[in-house]
């Protein structure tokens, strides 16, 4: 086949565009956090990862502006060479203290964080074991690593134990899981993962992209939620959710951070986080630590919506977090419901196979601390109206 033949044959997205069902790459003209404007139409946003609503917080915006005024718009170099600012080191120190680990290291994106950590730590004689529902960045990181990748059934501890038991005892082993799974909003069974990993002498890494700022009494994520902070070897987080910016980080023992810092190609050969992004995260971290009422409001909103959807008869799967899926099942029906919601002024994200298991196509909704009661009531009202009209609920 000629190289570009696959590109010419890919017509599915164009067909969806022509039929008016294409939901992706939608340009947002302006945003106030809980509301967005698209093609002149105002919609309530329930498809964002802006869990604490900090993207429009005055202190966060002010910090970004001041950083541009002091440092300019970018670093134009990698952390390894000319791209480390005192701001980067300040953020790393604050993250390590907040997460109660020895040291932290920040990357330019969350995807790079997983890629640059896992592919560096897992060598040719090592085994990396991941949940089948782990994020794509973890899967791609394992493909780049020279070690062997094995996958266990989603949150299935018996399957995890089988894989651990069958692995070579002389191999280094790393179990990597999402703390909160990004599509269906359920939480990893971290207590059992820790127990099994100790029994089979495996290290544990948790991707807490959707957990930090959300789970735990102080917002430190899944390990704090379960009281297991001392038992997780590497915790990864991103800045594109609760931290209202872009980038990612890991925290771990100082020796581990030092090694990754000097061997990770994703870190060494990428330009560093720009100054306004770093300053944004520092400001957001200060708010996360000092305004716990935001997290309480987020959970109040979450429980209100989960209760409302369930009472209507929607299937919300195993969600335990502010990510609440509305499982439709069939792809075209999912797109049709998405379009009707959009027409009624509600922005959600359709997720279809392979990003979710076959037959579990869904609308991914997620909530913010800053959603008002009136906005949430309107969302429920529209979901009930559309769901009944489309035959999704009775």
Protein backbone atom coordinates (compact mmCIF):
# COMPACT_ATOMS: atom_id res chain seq x y z
CA UNK A 1 0.00 0.00 0.00
CA UNK A 2 1.22 3.50 -0.84
CA UNK A 3 2.19 5.38 2.33
CA UNK A 4 -0.68 7.89 2.31
CA UNK A 5 -3.34 5.42 1.17
CA UNK A 6 -4.49 4.95 4.77
CA UNK A 7 -5.08 8.70 5.00
CA UNK A 8 -7.22 8.74 1.86
CA UNK A 9 -9.25 5.74 3.04
CA UNK A 10 -10.02 7.31 6.41
CA UNK A 11 -13.48 8.77 5.76
CA UNK A 12 -15.35 8.09 9.02
CA UNK A 13 -14.71 11.51 10.55
CA UNK A 14 -15.63 13.37 7.34
CA UNK A 15 -18.86 11.39 7.12
CA UNK A 16 -19.71 12.37 10.71
CA UNK A 17 -18.95 16.02 9.90
CA UNK A 18 -21.23 15.91 6.85
CA UNK A 19 -24.02 14.33 8.90
CA UNK A 20 -23.66 16.86 11.72
CA UNK A 21 -22.54 14.32 14.33
CA UNK A 22 -18.86 15.23 14.62
CA UNK A 23 -18.14 16.30 18.24
CA UNK A 24 -14.37 16.79 18.29
CA UNK A 25 -11.92 19.71 17.87
CA UNK A 26 -14.72 22.15 18.66
CA UNK A 27 -13.33 25.71 18.86
CA UNK A 28 -14.31 27.54 22.04
CA UNK A 29 -14.50 31.29 21.50
CA UNK A 30 -14.52 32.31 25.16
CA UNK A 31 -14.89 30.74 28.57
CA UNK A 32 -15.92 31.82 32.04
CA UNK A 33 -15.10 28.42 33.50
CA UNK A 34 -18.53 26.91 33.97
CA UNK A 35 -19.85 28.42 30.73
CA UNK A 36 -18.33 28.60 27.25
CA UNK A 37 -19.25 30.27 23.98
CA UNK A 38 -19.10 28.17 20.80
CA UNK A 39 -20.10 29.66 17.45
CA UNK A 40 -21.85 32.44 19.32
CA UNK A 41 -23.88 30.00 21.44
CA UNK A 42 -23.52 29.94 25.23
CA UNK A 43 -23.31 26.46 26.81
CA UNK A 44 -22.90 25.11 30.33
CA UNK A 45 -19.57 23.27 30.44
CA UNK A 46 -19.78 19.84 32.04
CA UNK A 47 -16.93 18.35 30.05
CA UNK A 48 -13.92 20.03 31.64
CA UNK A 49 -11.21 18.78 34.02
CA UNK A 50 -11.17 22.21 35.72
CA UNK A 51 -12.31 20.52 38.94
CA UNK A 52 -11.65 23.38 41.36
CA UNK A 53 -12.57 26.10 38.86
CA UNK A 54 -9.17 27.79 39.11
CA UNK A 55 -8.60 28.69 35.44
CA UNK A 56 -10.44 31.97 35.97
CA UNK A 57 -9.39 32.64 39.57
CA UNK A 58 -8.08 36.23 39.87
CA UNK A 59 -4.98 35.21 41.87
CA UNK A 60 -4.09 32.54 39.32
CA UNK A 61 -4.46 34.89 36.36
CA UNK A 62 -2.48 37.60 38.15
CA UNK A 63 0.37 35.18 38.85
CA UNK A 64 0.59 34.23 35.15
CA UNK A 65 0.64 37.89 34.06
CA UNK A 66 3.36 38.81 36.56
CA UNK A 67 5.49 35.85 35.42
CA UNK A 68 5.30 37.02 31.80
CA UNK A 69 6.30 40.52 32.86
CA UNK A 70 9.34 39.19 34.75
CA UNK A 71 10.50 36.22 32.64
CA UNK A 72 8.85 36.63 29.23
CA UNK A 73 6.67 34.08 27.50
CA UNK A 74 8.96 31.05 27.31
CA UNK A 75 12.28 29.49 28.31
CA UNK A 76 13.40 28.48 24.76
CA UNK A 77 15.39 25.57 26.10
CA UNK A 78 15.28 22.33 28.06
CA UNK A 79 15.50 21.99 31.81
CA UNK A 80 18.83 20.22 31.29
CA UNK A 81 20.49 23.24 29.68
CA UNK A 82 19.14 26.79 29.75
CA UNK A 83 15.48 26.19 30.62
CA UNK A 84 15.52 25.89 34.41
CA UNK A 85 14.18 28.97 36.18
CA UNK A 86 14.12 29.62 39.89
CA UNK A 87 10.34 29.29 39.45
CA UNK A 88 10.73 25.64 38.39
CA UNK A 89 12.77 24.85 41.48
CA UNK A 90 10.33 26.74 43.72
CA UNK A 91 7.45 24.71 42.31
CA UNK A 92 9.31 21.41 42.75
CA UNK A 93 10.12 22.21 46.36
CA UNK A 94 6.49 23.12 47.09
CA UNK A 95 5.14 20.02 45.35
CA UNK A 96 7.49 17.70 47.26
CA UNK A 97 6.44 19.29 50.55
CA UNK A 98 2.73 19.20 49.68
CA UNK A 99 2.87 15.57 48.54
CA UNK A 100 5.08 14.54 51.50
CA UNK A 101 7.81 13.02 49.35
CA UNK A 102 11.55 13.64 49.19
CA UNK A 103 11.66 15.35 45.83
CA UNK A 104 9.66 16.39 42.77
CA UNK A 105 10.36 16.87 39.07
CA UNK A 106 8.18 18.82 36.63
CA UNK A 107 7.73 18.05 32.92
CA UNK A 108 6.24 20.11 30.09
CA UNK A 109 3.12 17.95 29.66
CA UNK A 110 1.36 15.20 31.54
CA UNK A 111 1.83 12.80 28.63
CA UNK A 112 5.59 13.42 28.71
CA UNK A 113 5.62 12.89 32.46
CA UNK A 114 4.44 9.30 32.19
CA UNK A 115 6.45 8.69 29.04
CA UNK A 116 9.63 10.14 30.50
CA UNK A 117 9.29 8.38 33.84
CA UNK A 118 8.22 4.86 32.89
CA UNK A 119 10.45 4.51 29.83
CA UNK A 120 13.43 5.64 31.94
CA UNK A 121 12.82 3.46 35.00
CA UNK A 122 11.82 0.24 33.21
CA UNK A 123 14.91 -1.37 31.66
CA UNK A 124 15.33 -4.40 29.39
CA UNK A 125 15.32 -6.92 32.24
CA UNK A 126 12.31 -5.35 33.99
CA UNK A 127 8.55 -5.92 33.84
CA UNK A 128 5.91 -3.18 33.92
CA UNK A 129 2.38 -4.28 34.82
CA UNK A 130 -0.54 -1.98 34.04
CA UNK A 131 -4.33 -1.90 34.32
CA UNK A 132 -6.05 -2.39 30.96
CA UNK A 133 -7.91 0.89 31.52
CA UNK A 134 -4.76 2.94 32.21
CA UNK A 135 -4.30 6.17 30.28
CA UNK A 136 -2.81 6.10 26.78
CA UNK A 137 0.30 7.91 28.01
CA UNK A 138 1.08 4.96 30.28
CA UNK A 139 0.56 2.46 27.45
CA UNK A 140 2.81 4.42 25.09
CA UNK A 141 5.43 4.82 27.81
CA UNK A 142 5.50 1.05 28.27
CA UNK A 143 5.91 0.57 24.53
CA UNK A 144 8.94 2.87 24.60
CA UNK A 145 10.48 1.11 27.58
CA UNK A 146 12.88 -1.75 26.87
CA UNK A 147 11.20 -3.96 29.47
CA UNK A 148 8.25 -6.30 29.10
CA UNK A 149 4.71 -4.92 29.43
CA UNK A 150 1.90 -6.99 30.94
CA UNK A 151 -1.72 -5.89 31.42
CA UNK A 152 -4.29 -7.05 33.97
CA UNK A 153 -8.08 -6.81 33.74
CA UNK A 154 -9.48 -3.54 34.98
CA UNK A 155 -9.32 -3.37 38.79
CA UNK A 156 -9.20 -7.18 38.90
CA UNK A 157 -6.91 -8.11 41.76
CA UNK A 158 -6.98 -11.85 41.04
CA UNK A 159 -5.68 -11.17 37.54
CA UNK A 160 -3.02 -8.83 38.88
CA UNK A 161 -1.84 -11.50 41.31
CA UNK A 162 -1.64 -14.10 38.53
CA UNK A 163 0.60 -11.79 36.50
CA UNK A 164 2.79 -10.92 39.49
CA UNK A 165 3.12 -14.59 40.44
CA UNK A 166 4.09 -15.58 36.89
CA UNK A 167 6.76 -12.89 36.54
CA UNK A 168 10.44 -13.69 36.87
CA UNK A 169 11.49 -13.15 40.49
CA UNK A 170 14.83 -11.79 39.30
CA UNK A 171 13.18 -9.00 37.29
CA UNK A 172 12.54 -5.52 38.54
CA UNK A 173 8.77 -5.01 38.64
CA UNK A 174 6.66 -1.87 38.47
CA UNK A 175 2.86 -1.80 38.79
CA UNK A 176 1.36 1.36 37.25
CA UNK A 177 -2.28 2.35 37.72
CA UNK A 178 -4.47 5.40 37.32
CA UNK A 179 -5.65 6.59 40.71
CA UNK A 180 -8.92 7.77 39.16
CA UNK A 181 -9.73 6.28 35.76
CA UNK A 182 -10.38 9.12 33.37
CA UNK A 183 -13.38 7.80 31.42
CA UNK A 184 -15.60 6.07 33.99
CA UNK A 185 -14.44 7.87 37.13
CA UNK A 186 -13.81 4.83 39.32
CA UNK A 187 -10.91 4.55 41.75
CA UNK A 188 -8.07 2.02 41.69
CA UNK A 189 -8.16 -0.64 44.41
CA UNK A 190 -4.97 0.75 45.86
CA UNK A 191 -5.03 -1.13 49.19
CA UNK A 192 -4.99 -4.50 47.39
CA UNK A 193 -2.49 -3.29 44.77
CA UNK A 194 -0.14 -2.25 47.57
CA UNK A 195 -0.62 -5.54 49.44
CA UNK A 196 0.10 -7.65 46.36
CA UNK A 197 3.02 -5.49 45.30
CA UNK A 198 4.66 -5.90 48.70
CA UNK A 199 4.07 -9.65 48.62
CA UNK A 200 5.68 -9.96 45.16
CA UNK A 201 8.35 -7.31 45.72
CA UNK A 202 7.09 -4.88 43.10
CA UNK A 203 7.31 -1.09 43.08
CA UNK A 204 4.12 0.96 42.61
CA UNK A 205 3.45 4.09 40.55
CA UNK A 206 0.09 5.91 40.65
CA UNK A 207 -1.04 8.32 37.95
CA UNK A 208 -3.01 10.83 39.99
CA UNK A 209 -3.85 13.20 37.13
CA UNK A 210 -7.55 13.25 38.09
CA UNK A 211 -7.03 12.77 41.83
CA UNK A 212 -4.79 15.55 43.11
CA UNK A 213 -6.87 18.45 44.35
CA UNK A 214 -9.89 16.13 44.38
CA UNK A 215 -9.27 13.06 46.59
CA UNK A 216 -7.96 12.97 50.13
CA UNK A 217 -8.63 15.26 53.07
CA UNK A 218 -5.95 17.67 51.86
CA UNK A 219 -6.28 16.97 48.14
CA UNK A 220 -3.12 14.89 47.86
CA UNK A 221 -4.83 12.20 45.80
CA UNK A 222 -5.53 8.48 45.87
CA UNK A 223 -2.80 7.48 48.31
CA UNK A 224 -4.02 10.02 50.87
CA UNK A 225 -7.62 8.92 50.23
CA UNK A 226 -6.68 5.38 51.34
CA UNK A 227 -4.08 6.38 53.96
CA UNK A 228 -1.26 4.80 51.92
CA UNK A 229 1.00 7.73 51.11
CA UNK A 230 4.13 6.02 52.45
CA UNK A 231 3.47 2.89 50.38
CA UNK A 232 3.38 4.38 46.86
CA UNK A 233 6.85 4.72 45.35
CA UNK A 234 6.10 7.22 42.56
CA UNK A 235 3.11 9.54 42.32
CA UNK A 236 2.46 11.34 39.06
CA UNK A 237 0.22 14.35 38.61
CA UNK A 238 -0.73 16.79 35.88
CA UNK A 239 -1.24 20.53 35.89
CA UNK A 240 -4.03 20.53 33.29
CA UNK A 241 -6.78 19.57 35.73
CA UNK A 242 -7.03 21.00 39.25
CA UNK A 243 -3.89 23.11 38.75
CA UNK A 244 -5.44 25.11 35.87
CA UNK A 245 -2.36 25.06 33.64
CA UNK A 246 -0.35 22.57 31.58
CA UNK A 247 2.51 20.24 32.45
CA UNK A 248 3.06 17.39 34.84
CA UNK A 249 5.20 16.15 37.71
CA UNK A 250 6.36 13.17 39.70
CA UNK A 251 7.27 12.87 43.35
CA UNK A 252 9.41 10.08 44.75
CA UNK A 253 12.57 9.36 46.74
CA UNK A 254 15.38 11.75 45.92
CA UNK A 255 17.55 9.02 44.33
CA UNK A 256 14.73 8.13 41.92
CA UNK A 257 14.13 11.77 40.96
CA UNK A 258 17.86 12.37 40.51
CA UNK A 259 18.16 9.36 38.18
CA UNK A 260 15.16 10.33 36.05
CA UNK A 261 16.36 13.93 35.91
CA UNK A 262 19.61 12.79 34.28
CA UNK A 263 18.30 9.99 32.04
CA UNK A 264 14.80 10.90 30.85
CA UNK A 265 14.86 11.77 27.16
CA UNK A 266 11.37 13.30 27.40
CA UNK A 267 12.73 15.77 29.95
CA UNK A 268 16.20 16.42 28.56
CA UNK A 269 15.12 16.94 24.95
CA UNK A 270 11.95 19.00 25.53
CA UNK A 271 11.62 22.71 26.18
CA UNK A 272 10.69 23.42 29.78
CA UNK A 273 7.35 24.65 31.11
CA UNK A 274 6.90 28.34 30.23
CA UNK A 275 7.02 30.88 33.10
CA UNK A 276 3.28 31.77 33.16
CA UNK A 277 2.36 28.07 33.31
CA UNK A 278 4.71 27.50 36.26
CA UNK A 279 3.48 30.58 38.10
CA UNK A 280 -0.11 29.47 37.54
CA UNK A 281 0.58 26.13 39.20
CA UNK A 282 2.29 27.75 42.19
CA UNK A 283 -0.73 30.00 42.70
CA UNK A 284 -3.15 27.11 42.25
CA UNK A 285 -1.24 24.97 44.75
CA UNK A 286 -1.50 27.75 47.31
CA UNK A 287 -5.30 27.85 46.81
CA UNK A 288 -5.60 24.04 47.02
CA UNK A 289 -3.77 24.11 50.36
CA UNK A 290 -5.61 27.09 51.81
CA UNK A 291 -9.17 26.85 50.45
CA UNK A 292 -10.44 23.34 51.35
CA UNK A 293 -14.00 24.64 50.97
CA UNK A 294 -13.53 24.43 47.19
CA UNK A 295 -13.01 20.68 47.44
CA UNK A 296 -16.04 20.35 49.70
CA UNK A 297 -18.17 22.26 47.18
CA UNK A 298 -16.86 20.07 44.36
CA UNK A 299 -18.03 16.95 46.20
CA UNK A 300 -21.40 18.49 47.02
CA UNK A 301 -21.88 19.20 43.31
CA UNK A 302 -20.69 15.72 42.39
CA UNK A 303 -23.09 13.94 44.73
CA UNK A 304 -25.97 16.14 43.59
CA UNK A 305 -25.39 15.18 39.96
CA UNK A 306 -24.78 11.48 40.56
CA UNK A 307 -27.97 11.24 42.62
CA UNK A 308 -29.93 13.15 39.97
CA UNK A 309 -28.74 10.97 37.10
CA UNK A 310 -29.41 7.73 38.97
CA UNK A 311 -32.90 8.83 39.97
CA UNK A 312 -33.66 9.46 36.29
CA UNK A 313 -32.49 5.96 35.42
CA UNK A 314 -29.18 6.72 33.71
CA UNK A 315 -26.35 4.19 33.90
CA UNK A 316 -23.41 5.95 35.56
CA UNK A 317 -21.23 2.85 35.82
CA UNK A 318 -18.86 2.55 38.78
CA UNK A 319 -18.15 6.27 39.12
CA UNK A 320 -16.94 7.38 42.55
CA UNK A 321 -15.59 10.81 41.59
CA UNK A 322 -16.49 14.10 39.83
CA UNK A 323 -16.14 12.18 36.55
CA UNK A 324 -19.66 10.81 35.99
CA UNK A 325 -20.16 8.82 32.76
CA UNK A 326 -23.55 8.49 31.14
CA UNK A 327 -23.24 5.08 29.49
CA UNK A 328 -25.22 4.87 26.25
CA UNK A 329 -23.65 1.74 24.74
CA UNK A 330 -24.10 2.27 20.99
CA UNK A 331 -21.88 4.69 19.07
CA UNK A 332 -24.41 6.47 16.86
CA UNK A 333 -26.89 6.81 19.71
CA UNK A 334 -24.10 8.35 21.80
CA UNK A 335 -23.42 10.93 19.08
CA UNK A 336 -27.13 11.63 18.68
CA UNK A 337 -27.59 12.30 22.40
CA UNK A 338 -24.46 14.47 22.39
CA UNK A 339 -25.89 16.56 19.54
CA UNK A 340 -29.25 17.02 21.25
CA UNK A 341 -27.54 18.12 24.48
CA UNK A 342 -25.39 20.57 22.52
CA UNK A 343 -28.49 22.05 20.88
CA UNK A 344 -29.99 22.52 24.36
CA UNK A 345 -26.88 24.34 25.61
CA UNK A 346 -24.97 21.56 27.42
CA UNK A 347 -21.33 20.70 26.55
CA UNK A 348 -20.30 17.09 27.25
CA UNK A 349 -17.63 14.78 25.82
CA UNK A 350 -18.58 11.64 23.86
CA UNK A 351 -16.14 8.78 24.46
CA UNK A 352 -16.25 5.82 22.10
CA UNK A 353 -14.31 2.58 21.62
CA UNK A 354 -11.33 2.11 21.78
CA UNK A 355 -11.06 4.83 24.48
CA UNK A 356 -13.75 2.83 26.33
CA UNK A 357 -14.53 -0.90 26.08
CA UNK A 358 -16.70 -2.01 23.13
CA UNK A 359 -20.39 -1.62 23.87
CA UNK A 360 -19.78 0.98 26.59
CA UNK A 361 -19.73 4.17 24.50
CA UNK A 362 -20.57 7.01 26.84
CA UNK A 363 -20.94 10.71 27.49
CA UNK A 364 -18.24 11.78 29.90
CA UNK A 365 -19.48 14.49 32.25
CA UNK A 366 -17.33 16.12 34.93
CA UNK A 367 -17.99 18.81 37.48
CA UNK A 368 -16.40 21.87 39.07
CA UNK A 369 -16.47 23.48 42.48
CA UNK A 370 -17.67 26.65 40.76
CA UNK A 371 -20.79 25.23 39.12
CA UNK A 372 -23.84 26.98 40.55
CA UNK A 373 -26.93 25.15 41.74
CA UNK A 374 -28.89 26.81 38.94
CA UNK A 375 -26.42 25.53 36.32
CA UNK A 376 -26.50 21.99 37.68
CA UNK A 377 -30.30 21.99 37.86
CA UNK A 378 -30.40 23.10 34.22
CA UNK A 379 -28.04 20.26 33.24
CA UNK A 380 -30.28 17.70 34.96
CA UNK A 381 -33.37 19.21 33.38
CA UNK A 382 -31.89 18.96 29.88
CA UNK A 383 -30.58 15.42 30.43
CA UNK A 384 -34.03 14.31 31.54
CA UNK A 385 -35.71 16.00 28.56
CA UNK A 386 -33.24 14.60 26.00
CA UNK A 387 -33.02 11.17 27.64
CA UNK A 388 -36.77 10.66 27.52
CA UNK A 389 -37.03 11.98 23.98
CA UNK A 390 -34.24 9.66 22.80
CA UNK A 391 -35.55 6.63 24.70
CA UNK A 392 -32.46 6.35 26.92
CA UNK A 393 -34.51 6.63 30.12
CA UNK A 394 -38.15 5.80 30.77
